[in-house]
Amino acid sequence: MANGFESLRKLADVLNVETARISGDPQRLQLALGETQARKMQESNALINQQIEQLNIPQTQKALLKAMDMKSKYDALYGQKAQQRQIVEGKDGFKYYADTGQRVLPGLQEPEKKYDMKQDNAGYWRYTEGPNKGERVFVGVEKPDPMPDIKDEASLRKEFNAQSDYFKSIAQSFGKVAATDPTAAGDVSLIFAYMKMLDPTSVVREGEQATAANARGVPEGVANLYNRVLTGQRLTENQRADFRKQAQNIYDIALEDQSLNVARYKDIAERKGFDPNVIVFDYSAGIQPIIFEMSLNEKSLEDLQALDVANYSEDQLKILSKVLEKKLGGS
């Protein structure tokens, strides 16, 4: 009877979540997921209380343990158990008894992970992480065709390319940031490319002084450092690494938005009966080898020599050989 009731309750949870998902209301979906997780937490709390009851301690101490919050109660329980049997943590994150391999709390389930989502330009909610990244959250909810006047593949492809202009600019500048050498000229190119990522509309030209007029979207500190580098000052290795790290962050955010853009236009192409492969283009493909090389350059010679070459493609191995030769030549 208990198993049947549990099955019905799980079914009710699934129906509650799916109904919220079909409704197309993200707040309702988050509420439904929250209710399901809250119920699971209540069940876990009850299970921990049962474990506390089995402890060989006075009832007053049991009452104090039960009054604790979940984390403190959980830690306290493991602490009591550890005095009697050794407990180890498995790769799955759960606790196990070392002598038998059994779960300490077999009924305790990991809370369902919530994945972030974001609206694309057409108003559809899409996952921005997890196994369904780029996919629509509310699959059954349809909106009016955002581009009813698009009648052929060429027009839709032109529209996609126009919507990708910002990402193409960011990717191009990031490629320059990642590929610069630690030289005087390289420092100028690095900061200039970084400034273009901060403000793609900037009219400052590489090699000329940055001013408030021609680099309005660039922080004053960055512009001042760029001007000092123009006069011969060199960047330190830490400064170069920091610029590359910040540039990587900007690129990653732009790539996330572009992924939603790609998913949206693929969806439009399919609904119109077009071939998505002739509509959308992966503008991040050309930058991936540069990012790969940048990641290798940040590794020590020992770390590079310890890499398993079986995990890399032929093109990646060529890049690895190039980086190794450079590091060996400079050692």
C-alpha atoms as a PDB file:
ATOM      1  CA  MET A   1       0.000   0.000   0.000  1.00  0.00           C
ATOM      2  CA  ALA A   2       2.854   2.330   0.894  1.00  0.00           C
ATOM      3  CA  ASN A   3       4.593   1.622  -2.409  1.00  0.00           C
ATOM      4  CA  GLY A   4       1.377   2.306  -4.317  1.00  0.00           C
ATOM      5  CA  PHE A   5       0.890   5.621  -2.509  1.00  0.00           C
ATOM      6  CA  GLU A   6       4.495   6.578  -3.214  1.00  0.00           C
ATOM      7  CA  SER A   7       4.044   5.797  -6.916  1.00  0.00           C
ATOM      8  CA  LEU A   8       0.906   7.945  -7.079  1.00  0.00           C
ATOM      9  CA  ARG A   9       2.694  10.798  -5.354  1.00  0.00           C
ATOM     10  CA  LYS A  10       5.609  10.627  -7.784  1.00  0.00           C
ATOM     11  CA  LEU A  11       3.145  10.574 -10.687  1.00  0.00           C
ATOM     12  CA  ALA A  12       1.423  13.641  -9.262  1.00  0.00           C
ATOM     13  CA  ASP A  13       4.777  15.418  -9.069  1.00  0.00           C
ATOM     14  CA  VAL A  14       5.545  14.571 -12.699  1.00  0.00           C
ATOM     15  CA  LEU A  15       2.120  15.749 -13.868  1.00  0.00           C
ATOM     16  CA  ASN A  16       2.464  18.972 -11.868  1.00  0.00           C
ATOM     17  CA  VAL A  17       5.847  19.767 -13.451  1.00  0.00           C
ATOM     18  CA  GLU A  18       4.818  18.781 -16.984  1.00  0.00           C
ATOM     19  CA  THR A  19       1.587  20.801 -16.782  1.00  0.00           C
ATOM     20  CA  ALA A  20       3.625  23.820 -15.722  1.00  0.00           C
ATOM     21  CA  ARG A  21       6.107  23.190 -18.536  1.00  0.00           C
ATOM     22  CA  ILE A  22       3.337  22.987 -21.176  1.00  0.00           C
ATOM     23  CA  SER A  23       1.766  26.197 -19.867  1.00  0.00           C
ATOM     24  CA  GLY A  24       4.773  28.168 -21.099  1.00  0.00           C
ATOM     25  CA  ASP A  25       4.976  30.110 -17.818  1.00  0.00           C
ATOM     26  CA  PRO A  26       8.553  29.972 -16.427  1.00  0.00           C
ATOM     27  CA  GLN A  27       7.434  31.157 -12.974  1.00  0.00           C
ATOM     28  CA  ARG A  28       4.861  28.396 -12.751  1.00  0.00           C
ATOM     29  CA  LEU A  29       7.505  25.859 -13.826  1.00  0.00           C
ATOM     30  CA  GLN A  30       9.972  27.078 -11.190  1.00  0.00           C
ATOM     31  CA  LEU A  31       7.196  26.884  -8.564  1.00  0.00           C
ATOM     32  CA  ALA A  32       6.320  23.310  -9.548  1.00  0.00           C
ATOM     33  CA  LEU A  33       9.979  22.251  -9.436  1.00  0.00           C
ATOM     34  CA  GLY A  34      10.336  23.959  -6.068  1.00  0.00           C
ATOM     35  CA  GLU A  35       7.318  22.114  -4.655  1.00  0.00           C
ATOM     36  CA  THR A  36       8.731  18.785  -5.830  1.00  0.00           C
ATOM     37  CA  GLN A  37      12.119  19.511  -4.325  1.00  0.00           C
ATOM     38  CA  ALA A  38      10.553  20.675  -1.056  1.00  0.00           C
ATOM     39  CA  ARG A  39       8.652  17.386  -0.765  1.00  0.00           C
ATOM     40  CA  LYS A  40      11.862  15.425  -1.386  1.00  0.00           C
ATOM     41  CA  MET A  41      13.597  17.460   1.319  1.00  0.00           C
ATOM     42  CA  GLN A  42      10.755  16.640   3.733  1.00  0.00           C
ATOM     43  CA  GLU A  43      11.142  12.949   2.972  1.00  0.00           C
ATOM     44  CA  SER A  44      14.915  13.189   3.471  1.00  0.00           C
ATOM     45  CA  ASN A  45      14.365  14.998   6.778  1.00  0.00           C
ATOM     46  CA  ALA A  46      12.008  12.249   7.950  1.00  0.00           C
ATOM     47  CA  LEU A  47      14.538   9.605   6.957  1.00  0.00           C
ATOM     48  CA  ILE A  48      17.329  11.340   8.876  1.00  0.00           C
ATOM     49  CA  ASN A  49      15.042  11.583  11.920  1.00  0.00           C
ATOM     50  CA  GLN A  50      14.522   7.828  11.715  1.00  0.00           C
ATOM     51  CA  GLN A  51      18.298   7.334  11.676  1.00  0.00           C
ATOM     52  CA  ILE A  52      18.618   9.614  14.701  1.00  0.00           C
ATOM     53  CA  GLU A  53      16.065   7.502  16.577  1.00  0.00           C
ATOM     54  CA  GLN A  54      18.302   4.457  16.084  1.00  0.00           C
ATOM     55  CA  LEU A  55      21.268   6.151  17.793  1.00  0.00           C
ATOM     56  CA  ASN A  56      22.221   4.893  21.247  1.00  0.00           C
ATOM     57  CA  ILE A  57      21.937   8.296  22.933  1.00  0.00           C
ATOM     58  CA  PRO A  58      19.481   9.861  25.429  1.00  0.00           C
ATOM     59  CA  GLN A  59      16.128  11.100  24.118  1.00  0.00           C
ATOM     60  CA  THR A  60      17.017  14.683  25.061  1.00  0.00           C
ATOM     61  CA  GLN A  61      19.989  14.557  22.697  1.00  0.00           C
ATOM     62  CA  LYS A  62      17.833  13.016  19.976  1.00  0.00           C
ATOM     63  CA  ALA A  63      15.369  15.888  20.342  1.00  0.00           C
ATOM     64  CA  LEU A  64      18.191  18.422  20.017  1.00  0.00           C
ATOM     65  CA  LEU A  65      19.470  16.692  16.878  1.00  0.00           C
ATOM     66  CA  LYS A  66      16.018  16.665  15.297  1.00  0.00           C
ATOM     67  CA  ALA A  67      15.621  20.388  15.951  1.00  0.00           C
ATOM     68  CA  MET A  68      18.719  21.211  13.914  1.00  0.00           C
ATOM     69  CA  ASP A  69      18.636  22.382  10.301  1.00  0.00           C
ATOM     70  CA  MET A  70      19.147  19.740   7.601  1.00  0.00           C
ATOM     71  CA  LYS A  71      22.882  20.321   7.086  1.00  0.00           C
ATOM     72  CA  SER A  72      23.745  20.384  10.809  1.00  0.00           C
ATOM     73  CA  LYS A  73      21.540  17.377  11.439  1.00  0.00           C
ATOM     74  CA  TYR A  74      23.140  15.526   8.536  1.00  0.00           C
ATOM     75  CA  ASP A  75      26.671  16.306   9.762  1.00  0.00           C
ATOM     76  CA  ALA A  76      25.805  15.418  13.338  1.00  0.00           C
ATOM     77  CA  LEU A  77      24.345  12.081  12.284  1.00  0.00           C
ATOM     78  CA  TYR A  78      27.428  11.170  10.308  1.00  0.00           C
ATOM     79  CA  GLY A  79      29.545  12.229  13.245  1.00  0.00           C
ATOM     80  CA  GLN A  80      27.660   9.879  15.568  1.00  0.00           C
ATOM     81  CA  LYS A  81      27.793   7.029  13.073  1.00  0.00           C
ATOM     82  CA  ALA A  82      31.482   7.580  12.428  1.00  0.00           C
ATOM     83  CA  GLN A  83      32.178   6.747  16.077  1.00  0.00           C
ATOM     84  CA  GLN A  84      30.785   3.269  15.455  1.00  0.00           C
ATOM     85  CA  ARG A  85      31.622   2.508  11.785  1.00  0.00           C
ATOM     86  CA  GLN A  86      33.938   4.106   9.234  1.00  0.00           C
ATOM     87  CA  ILE A  87      32.119   6.134   6.588  1.00  0.00           C
ATOM     88  CA  VAL A  88      33.551   7.082   3.208  1.00  0.00           C
ATOM     89  CA  GLU A  89      32.253   9.313   0.431  1.00  0.00           C
ATOM     90  CA  GLY A  90      31.701   7.704  -2.971  1.00  0.00           C
ATOM     91  CA  LYS A  91      32.328   9.276  -6.378  1.00  0.00           C
ATOM     92  CA  ASP A  92      28.574   9.892  -6.669  1.00  0.00           C
ATOM     93  CA  GLY A  93      28.689  12.197  -3.627  1.00  0.00           C
ATOM     94  CA  PHE A  94      26.766   9.839  -1.298  1.00  0.00           C
ATOM     95  CA  LYS A  95      28.104   8.405   1.981  1.00  0.00           C
ATOM     96  CA  TYR A  96      28.854   4.654   2.319  1.00  0.00           C
ATOM     97  CA  TYR A  97      29.862   2.338   5.157  1.00  0.00           C
ATOM     98  CA  ALA A  98      33.435   1.207   4.501  1.00  0.00           C
ATOM     99  CA  ASP A  99      32.920  -2.281   5.911  1.00  0.00           C
ATOM    100  CA  THR A 100      29.851  -3.236   3.829  1.00  0.00           C
ATOM    101  CA  GLY A 101      29.701  -0.723   0.981  1.00  0.00           C
ATOM    102  CA  GLN A 102      26.061   0.071   1.821  1.00  0.00           C
ATOM    103  CA  ARG A 103      24.637   3.579   1.592  1.00  0.00           C
ATOM    104  CA  VAL A 104      24.364   5.324   4.951  1.00  0.00           C
ATOM    105  CA  LEU A 105      21.005   6.834   4.019  1.00  0.00           C
ATOM    106  CA  PRO A 106      19.762   4.664   1.136  1.00  0.00           C
ATOM    107  CA  GLY A 107      16.524   6.588   0.722  1.00  0.00           C
ATOM    108  CA  LEU A 108      18.157  10.012   0.498  1.00  0.00           C
ATOM    109  CA  GLN A 109      18.035  11.275  -3.085  1.00  0.00           C
ATOM    110  CA  GLU A 110      20.081  14.034  -4.663  1.00  0.00           C
ATOM    111  CA  PRO A 111      17.854  17.085  -5.358  1.00  0.00           C
ATOM    112  CA  GLU A 112      16.858  17.464  -8.984  1.00  0.00           C
ATOM    113  CA  LYS A 113      19.228  19.938 -10.638  1.00  0.00           C
ATOM    114  CA  LYS A 114      17.638  23.054 -12.058  1.00  0.00           C
ATOM    115  CA  TYR A 115      19.193  24.307 -15.263  1.00  0.00           C
ATOM    116  CA  ASP A 116      19.262  27.992 -16.129  1.00  0.00           C
ATOM    117  CA  MET A 117      17.205  29.217 -19.062  1.00  0.00           C
ATOM    118  CA  LYS A 118      17.004  32.388 -21.098  1.00  0.00           C
ATOM    119  CA  GLN A 119      14.655  33.923 -23.652  1.00  0.00           C
ATOM    120  CA  ASP A 120      15.904  34.129 -27.226  1.00  0.00           C
ATOM    121  CA  ASN A 121      15.156  36.997 -29.603  1.00  0.00           C
ATOM    122  CA  ALA A 122      11.849  35.393 -30.607  1.00  0.00           C
ATOM    123  CA  GLY A 123      10.651  35.138 -26.998  1.00  0.00           C
ATOM    124  CA  TYR A 124      11.122  31.366 -26.608  1.00  0.00           C
ATOM    125  CA  TRP A 125      12.699  30.083 -23.386  1.00  0.00           C
ATOM    126  CA  ARG A 126      15.769  27.886 -23.986  1.00  0.00           C
ATOM    127  CA  TYR A 127      18.141  26.048 -21.654  1.00  0.00           C
ATOM    128  CA  THR A 128      21.553  27.719 -21.331  1.00  0.00           C
ATOM    129  CA  GLU A 129      23.229  24.733 -19.626  1.00  0.00           C
ATOM    130  CA  GLY A 130      22.820  21.028 -19.037  1.00  0.00           C
ATOM    131  CA  PRO A 131      22.161  18.142 -21.445  1.00  0.00           C
ATOM    132  CA  ASN A 132      19.430  20.075 -23.294  1.00  0.00           C
ATOM    133  CA  LYS A 133      21.428  23.284 -23.747  1.00  0.00           C
ATOM    134  CA  GLY A 134      19.975  25.344 -26.605  1.00  0.00           C
ATOM    135  CA  GLU A 135      16.721  23.361 -26.644  1.00  0.00           C
ATOM    136  CA  ARG A 136      13.373  24.996 -25.976  1.00  0.00           C
ATOM    137  CA  VAL A 137      12.003  24.587 -22.447  1.00  0.00           C
ATOM    138  CA  PHE A 138       8.322  24.717 -23.430  1.00  0.00           C
ATOM    139  CA  VAL A 139       8.303  22.560 -26.541  1.00  0.00           C
ATOM    140  CA  GLY A 140       4.519  22.524 -26.952  1.00  0.00           C
ATOM    141  CA  VAL A 141       4.113  26.302 -26.805  1.00  0.00           C
ATOM    142  CA  GLU A 142       4.132  28.010 -30.198  1.00  0.00           C
ATOM    143  CA  LYS A 143       4.315  31.720 -30.925  1.00  0.00           C
ATOM    144  CA  PRO A 144       3.432  33.506 -34.145  1.00  0.00           C
ATOM    145  CA  ASP A 145       6.138  33.185 -36.800  1.00  0.00           C
ATOM    146  CA  PRO A 146       8.513  36.068 -35.968  1.00  0.00           C
ATOM    147  CA  MET A 147       9.473  36.437 -39.636  1.00  0.00           C
ATOM    148  CA  PRO A 148       6.413  35.713 -41.797  1.00  0.00           C
ATOM    149  CA  ASP A 149       7.908  37.624 -44.732  1.00  0.00           C
ATOM    150  CA  ILE A 150      10.892  35.251 -45.073  1.00  0.00           C
ATOM    151  CA  LYS A 151      10.056  33.149 -48.129  1.00  0.00           C
ATOM    152  CA  ASP A 152      13.354  31.586 -49.167  1.00  0.00           C
ATOM    153  CA  GLU A 153      16.539  30.177 -47.670  1.00  0.00           C
ATOM    154  CA  ALA A 154      18.728  33.029 -48.893  1.00  0.00           C
ATOM    155  CA  SER A 155      16.649  35.636 -47.048  1.00  0.00           C
ATOM    156  CA  LEU A 156      16.633  33.635 -43.828  1.00  0.00           C
ATOM    157  CA  ARG A 157      20.379  33.022 -44.072  1.00  0.00           C
ATOM    158  CA  LYS A 158      20.945  36.767 -44.578  1.00  0.00           C
ATOM    159  CA  GLU A 159      18.857  37.487 -41.483  1.00  0.00           C
ATOM    160  CA  PHE A 160      20.837  34.951 -39.425  1.00  0.00           C
ATOM    161  CA  ASN A 161      24.136  36.451 -40.547  1.00  0.00           C
ATOM    162  CA  ALA A 162      22.942  39.927 -39.583  1.00  0.00           C
ATOM    163  CA  GLN A 163      21.898  38.673 -36.141  1.00  0.00           C
ATOM    164  CA  SER A 164      25.361  37.099 -35.747  1.00  0.00           C
ATOM    165  CA  ASP A 165      27.337  40.298 -36.435  1.00  0.00           C
ATOM    166  CA  TYR A 166      27.973  41.035 -32.750  1.00  0.00           C
ATOM    167  CA  PHE A 167      29.291  37.534 -32.054  1.00  0.00           C
ATOM    168  CA  LYS A 168      31.474  37.590 -35.161  1.00  0.00           C
ATOM    169  CA  SER A 169      33.053  40.841 -33.956  1.00  0.00           C
ATOM    170  CA  ILE A 170      33.642  39.459 -30.455  1.00  0.00           C
ATOM    171  CA  ALA A 171      35.074  36.181 -31.802  1.00  0.00           C
ATOM    172  CA  GLN A 172      37.422  37.985 -34.180  1.00  0.00           C
ATOM    173  CA  SER A 173      38.775  40.243 -31.423  1.00  0.00           C
ATOM    174  CA  PHE A 174      39.113  37.355 -28.977  1.00  0.00           C
ATOM    175  CA  GLY A 175      41.092  35.399 -31.561  1.00  0.00           C
ATOM    176  CA  LYS A 176      43.568  38.293 -31.694  1.00  0.00           C
ATOM    177  CA  VAL A 177      43.773  38.463 -27.907  1.00  0.00           C
ATOM    178  CA  ALA A 178      44.510  34.736 -27.707  1.00  0.00           C
ATOM    179  CA  ALA A 179      47.072  34.715 -30.516  1.00  0.00           C
ATOM    180  CA  THR A 180      49.280  37.648 -29.504  1.00  0.00           C
ATOM    181  CA  ASP A 181      52.946  37.091 -28.597  1.00  0.00           C
ATOM    182  CA  PRO A 182      54.578  38.523 -25.429  1.00  0.00           C
ATOM    183  CA  THR A 183      56.337  41.275 -27.366  1.00  0.00           C
ATOM    184  CA  ALA A 184      55.982  45.049 -27.455  1.00  0.00           C
ATOM    185  CA  ALA A 185      53.881  44.850 -30.629  1.00  0.00           C
ATOM    186  CA  GLY A 186      51.946  41.914 -29.175  1.00  0.00           C
ATOM    187  CA  ASP A 187      51.042  43.913 -26.065  1.00  0.00           C
ATOM    188  CA  VAL A 188      49.641  46.717 -28.231  1.00  0.00           C
ATOM    189  CA  SER A 189      47.580  44.265 -30.276  1.00  0.00           C
ATOM    190  CA  LEU A 190      46.366  42.438 -27.154  1.00  0.00           C
ATOM    191  CA  ILE A 191      44.992  45.520 -25.391  1.00  0.00           C
ATOM    192  CA  PHE A 192      43.588  46.955 -28.618  1.00  0.00           C
ATOM    193  CA  ALA A 193      41.695  43.710 -29.375  1.00  0.00           C
ATOM    194  CA  TYR A 194      40.441  43.612 -25.783  1.00  0.00           C
ATOM    195  CA  MET A 195      39.158  47.192 -26.081  1.00  0.00           C
ATOM    196  CA  LYS A 196      37.288  46.210 -29.264  1.00  0.00           C
ATOM    197  CA  MET A 197      35.615  43.407 -27.296  1.00  0.00           C
ATOM    198  CA  LEU A 198      34.501  45.911 -24.680  1.00  0.00           C
ATOM    199  CA  ASP A 199      33.261  48.361 -27.318  1.00  0.00           C
ATOM    200  CA  PRO A 200      32.930  46.884 -30.845  1.00  0.00           C
ATOM    201  CA  THR A 201      31.733  50.280 -32.103  1.00  0.00           C
ATOM    202  CA  SER A 202      34.889  52.052 -30.941  1.00  0.00           C
ATOM    203  CA  VAL A 203      36.539  54.096 -33.714  1.00  0.00           C
ATOM    204  CA  VAL A 204      40.018  54.131 -32.188  1.00  0.00           C
ATOM    205  CA  ARG A 205      42.606  52.663 -34.560  1.00  0.00           C
ATOM    206  CA  GLU A 206      45.396  50.342 -33.521  1.00  0.00           C
ATOM    207  CA  GLY A 207      48.517  52.389 -32.903  1.00  0.00           C
ATOM    208  CA  GLU A 208      46.789  55.690 -32.148  1.00  0.00           C
ATOM    209  CA  GLN A 209      46.127  57.163 -28.711  1.00  0.00           C
ATOM    210  CA  ALA A 210      42.820  56.193 -27.086  1.00  0.00           C
ATOM    211  CA  THR A 211      40.703  59.153 -25.995  1.00  0.00           C
ATOM    212  CA  ALA A 212      37.329  59.677 -24.378  1.00  0.00           C
ATOM    213  CA  ALA A 213      35.971  60.528 -27.827  1.00  0.00           C
ATOM    214  CA  ASN A 214      37.168  57.533 -29.826  1.00  0.00           C
ATOM    215  CA  ALA A 215      36.906  54.887 -27.066  1.00  0.00           C
ATOM    216  CA  ARG A 216      33.808  55.825 -25.105  1.00  0.00           C
ATOM    217  CA  GLY A 217      32.928  52.276 -24.044  1.00  0.00           C
ATOM    218  CA  VAL A 218      36.415  51.474 -22.729  1.00  0.00           C
ATOM    219  CA  PRO A 219      37.230  51.944 -19.012  1.00  0.00           C
ATOM    220  CA  GLU A 220      39.645  54.796 -18.397  1.00  0.00           C
ATOM    221  CA  GLY A 221      42.184  52.519 -16.711  1.00  0.00           C
ATOM    222  CA  VAL A 222      42.363  50.214 -19.740  1.00  0.00           C
ATOM    223  CA  ALA A 223      42.646  53.120 -22.164  1.00  0.00           C
ATOM    224  CA  ASN A 224      45.428  54.706 -20.090  1.00  0.00           C
ATOM    225  CA  LEU A 225      47.372  51.437 -19.960  1.00  0.00           C
ATOM    226  CA  TYR A 226      46.983  51.065 -23.728  1.00  0.00           C
ATOM    227  CA  ASN A 227      48.405  54.556 -24.245  1.00  0.00           C
ATOM    228  CA  ARG A 228      51.379  53.765 -21.989  1.00  0.00           C
ATOM    229  CA  VAL A 229      52.071  50.560 -23.927  1.00  0.00           C
ATOM    230  CA  LEU A 230      52.091  52.628 -27.137  1.00  0.00           C
ATOM    231  CA  THR A 231      54.964  54.639 -25.684  1.00  0.00           C
ATOM    232  CA  GLY A 232      57.046  51.549 -24.881  1.00  0.00           C
ATOM    233  CA  GLN A 233      55.809  50.238 -21.541  1.00  0.00           C
ATOM    234  CA  ARG A 234      55.553  46.427 -21.482  1.00  0.00           C
ATOM    235  CA  LEU A 235      52.867  44.293 -19.857  1.00  0.00           C
ATOM    236  CA  THR A 236      53.793  41.801 -17.159  1.00  0.00           C
ATOM    237  CA  GLU A 237      52.900  38.119 -17.562  1.00  0.00           C
ATOM    238  CA  ASN A 238      50.193  38.523 -14.914  1.00  0.00           C
ATOM    239  CA  GLN A 239      48.663  41.448 -16.812  1.00  0.00           C
ATOM    240  CA  ARG A 240      48.642  39.469 -20.064  1.00  0.00           C
ATOM    241  CA  ALA A 241      47.035  36.503 -18.317  1.00  0.00           C
ATOM    242  CA  ASP A 242      44.403  38.762 -16.739  1.00  0.00           C
ATOM    243  CA  PHE A 243      43.513  40.363 -20.086  1.00  0.00           C
ATOM    244  CA  ARG A 244      43.134  36.924 -21.666  1.00  0.00           C
ATOM    245  CA  LYS A 245      40.997  35.689 -18.774  1.00  0.00           C
ATOM    246  CA  GLN A 246      38.659  38.693 -18.974  1.00  0.00           C
ATOM    247  CA  ALA A 247      38.495  38.360 -22.765  1.00  0.00           C
ATOM    248  CA  GLN A 248      37.589  34.681 -22.357  1.00  0.00           C
ATOM    249  CA  ASN A 249      34.708  35.649 -20.048  1.00  0.00           C
ATOM    250  CA  ILE A 250      33.352  38.143 -22.588  1.00  0.00           C
ATOM    251  CA  TYR A 251      33.655  35.571 -25.365  1.00  0.00           C
ATOM    252  CA  ASP A 252      31.903  32.859 -23.335  1.00  0.00           C
ATOM    253  CA  ILE A 253      28.894  35.123 -22.678  1.00  0.00           C
ATOM    254  CA  ALA A 254      28.690  36.070 -26.363  1.00  0.00           C
ATOM    255  CA  LEU A 255      28.981  32.393 -27.341  1.00  0.00           C
ATOM    256  CA  GLU A 256      26.084  31.503 -25.044  1.00  0.00           C
ATOM    257  CA  ASP A 257      23.877  34.129 -26.702  1.00  0.00           C
ATOM    258  CA  GLN A 258      25.001  32.968 -30.151  1.00  0.00           C
ATOM    259  CA  SER A 259      24.082  29.371 -29.269  1.00  0.00           C
ATOM    260  CA  LEU A 260      20.535  30.544 -28.582  1.00  0.00           C
ATOM    261  CA  ASN A 261      20.608  32.431 -31.879  1.00  0.00           C
ATOM    262  CA  VAL A 262      21.673  29.291 -33.750  1.00  0.00           C
ATOM    263  CA  ALA A 263      18.990  27.192 -32.055  1.00  0.00           C
ATOM    264  CA  ARG A 264      16.337  29.772 -32.903  1.00  0.00           C
ATOM    265  CA  TYR A 265      17.169  29.957 -36.607  1.00  0.00           C
ATOM    266  CA  LYS A 266      17.448  26.193 -36.894  1.00  0.00           C
ATOM    267  CA  ASP A 267      13.947  25.993 -35.443  1.00  0.00           C
ATOM    268  CA  ILE A 268      12.620  28.606 -37.883  1.00  0.00           C
ATOM    269  CA  ALA A 269      14.265  26.811 -40.820  1.00  0.00           C
ATOM    270  CA  GLU A 270      12.732  23.480 -39.852  1.00  0.00           C
ATOM    271  CA  ARG A 271       9.256  24.975 -39.431  1.00  0.00           C
ATOM    272  CA  LYS A 272       9.517  26.556 -42.878  1.00  0.00           C
ATOM    273  CA  GLY A 273      10.761  23.351 -44.475  1.00  0.00           C
ATOM    274  CA  PHE A 274      14.273  24.699 -45.143  1.00  0.00           C
ATOM    275  CA  ASP A 275      17.548  22.851 -44.620  1.00  0.00           C
ATOM    276  CA  PRO A 276      19.032  24.272 -41.356  1.00  0.00           C
ATOM    277  CA  ASN A 277      22.548  23.399 -42.539  1.00  0.00           C
ATOM    278  CA  VAL A 278      22.377  26.008 -45.295  1.00  0.00           C
ATOM    279  CA  ILE A 279      20.859  28.649 -43.008  1.00  0.00           C
ATOM    280  CA  VAL A 280      23.080  28.687 -39.920  1.00  0.00           C
ATOM    281  CA  PHE A 281      26.846  28.650 -39.657  1.00  0.00           C
ATOM    282  CA  ASP A 282      29.080  27.897 -36.678  1.00  0.00           C
ATOM    283  CA  TYR A 283      31.069  31.122 -36.383  1.00  0.00           C
ATOM    284  CA  SER A 284      32.888  29.729 -33.344  1.00  0.00           C
ATOM    285  CA  ALA A 285      34.562  26.928 -35.352  1.00  0.00           C
ATOM    286  CA  GLY A 286      37.469  29.067 -36.519  1.00  0.00           C
ATOM    287  CA  ILE A 287      38.252  30.312 -33.036  1.00  0.00           C
ATOM    288  CA  GLN A 288      38.378  26.873 -31.378  1.00  0.00           C
ATOM    289  CA  PRO A 289      41.942  26.003 -32.535  1.00  0.00           C
ATOM    290  CA  ILE A 290      43.165  29.369 -31.204  1.00  0.00           C
ATOM    291  CA  ILE A 291      41.482  28.777 -27.837  1.00  0.00           C
ATOM    292  CA  PHE A 292      42.983  25.279 -27.742  1.00  0.00           C
ATOM    293  CA  GLU A 293      46.469  26.651 -28.400  1.00  0.00           C
ATOM    294  CA  MET A 294      45.999  29.332 -25.748  1.00  0.00           C
ATOM    295  CA  SER A 295      45.042  26.672 -23.176  1.00  0.00           C
ATOM    296  CA  LEU A 296      48.177  24.672 -24.053  1.00  0.00           C
ATOM    297  CA  ASN A 297      50.407  27.742 -23.750  1.00  0.00           C
ATOM    298  CA  GLU A 298      49.179  28.183 -20.181  1.00  0.00           C
ATOM    299  CA  LYS A 299      50.368  24.673 -19.212  1.00  0.00           C
ATOM    300  CA  SER A 300      53.856  23.826 -17.998  1.00  0.00           C
ATOM    301  CA  LEU A 301      56.201  21.746 -20.136  1.00  0.00           C
ATOM    302  CA  GLU A 302      55.787  18.828 -17.722  1.00  0.00           C
ATOM    303  CA  ASP A 303      51.981  18.990 -17.980  1.00  0.00           C
ATOM    304  CA  LEU A 304      52.157  19.059 -21.780  1.00  0.00           C
ATOM    305  CA  GLN A 305      54.431  16.031 -21.922  1.00  0.00           C
ATOM    306  CA  ALA A 306      52.043  14.126 -19.634  1.00  0.00           C
ATOM    307  CA  LEU A 307      49.018  14.600 -21.934  1.00  0.00           C
ATOM    308  CA  ASP A 308      47.478  11.490 -23.511  1.00  0.00           C
ATOM    309  CA  VAL A 309      47.825  12.045 -27.272  1.00  0.00           C
ATOM    310  CA  ALA A 310      45.092   9.467 -27.912  1.00  0.00           C
ATOM    311  CA  ASN A 311      42.512  12.015 -26.734  1.00  0.00           C
ATOM    312  CA  TYR A 312      43.264  14.567 -29.460  1.00  0.00           C
ATOM    313  CA  SER A 313      42.508  14.904 -33.153  1.00  0.00           C
ATOM    314  CA  GLU A 314      45.176  15.152 -35.854  1.00  0.00           C
ATOM    315  CA  ASP A 315      44.780  18.937 -36.064  1.00  0.00           C
ATOM    316  CA  GLN A 316      45.015  19.283 -32.285  1.00  0.00           C
ATOM    317  CA  LEU A 317      48.165  17.154 -32.222  1.00  0.00           C
ATOM    318  CA  LYS A 318      49.771  19.507 -34.740  1.00  0.00           C
ATOM    319  CA  ILE A 319      49.011  22.429 -32.432  1.00  0.00           C
ATOM    320  CA  LEU A 320      50.362  20.476 -29.452  1.00  0.00           C
ATOM    321  CA  SER A 321      53.606  19.756 -31.332  1.00  0.00           C
ATOM    322  CA  LYS A 322      53.925  23.435 -32.216  1.00  0.00           C
ATOM    323  CA  VAL A 323      53.517  24.522 -28.583  1.00  0.00           C
ATOM    324  CA  LEU A 324      55.941  21.852 -27.355  1.00  0.00           C
ATOM    325  CA  GLU A 325      58.598  22.927 -29.857  1.00  0.00           C
ATOM    326  CA  LYS A 326      58.206  26.553 -28.773  1.00  0.00           C
ATOM    327  CA  LYS A 327      58.524  25.708 -25.078  1.00  0.00           C
ATOM    328  CA  LEU A 328      61.451  23.340 -25.636  1.00  0.00           C
ATOM    329  CA  GLY A 329      63.225  25.963 -27.720  1.00  0.00           C
ATOM    330  CA  GLY A 330      62.831  28.550 -24.994  1.00  0.00           C
ATOM    331  CA  SER A 331      63.886  26.282 -22.146  1.00  0.00           C
END
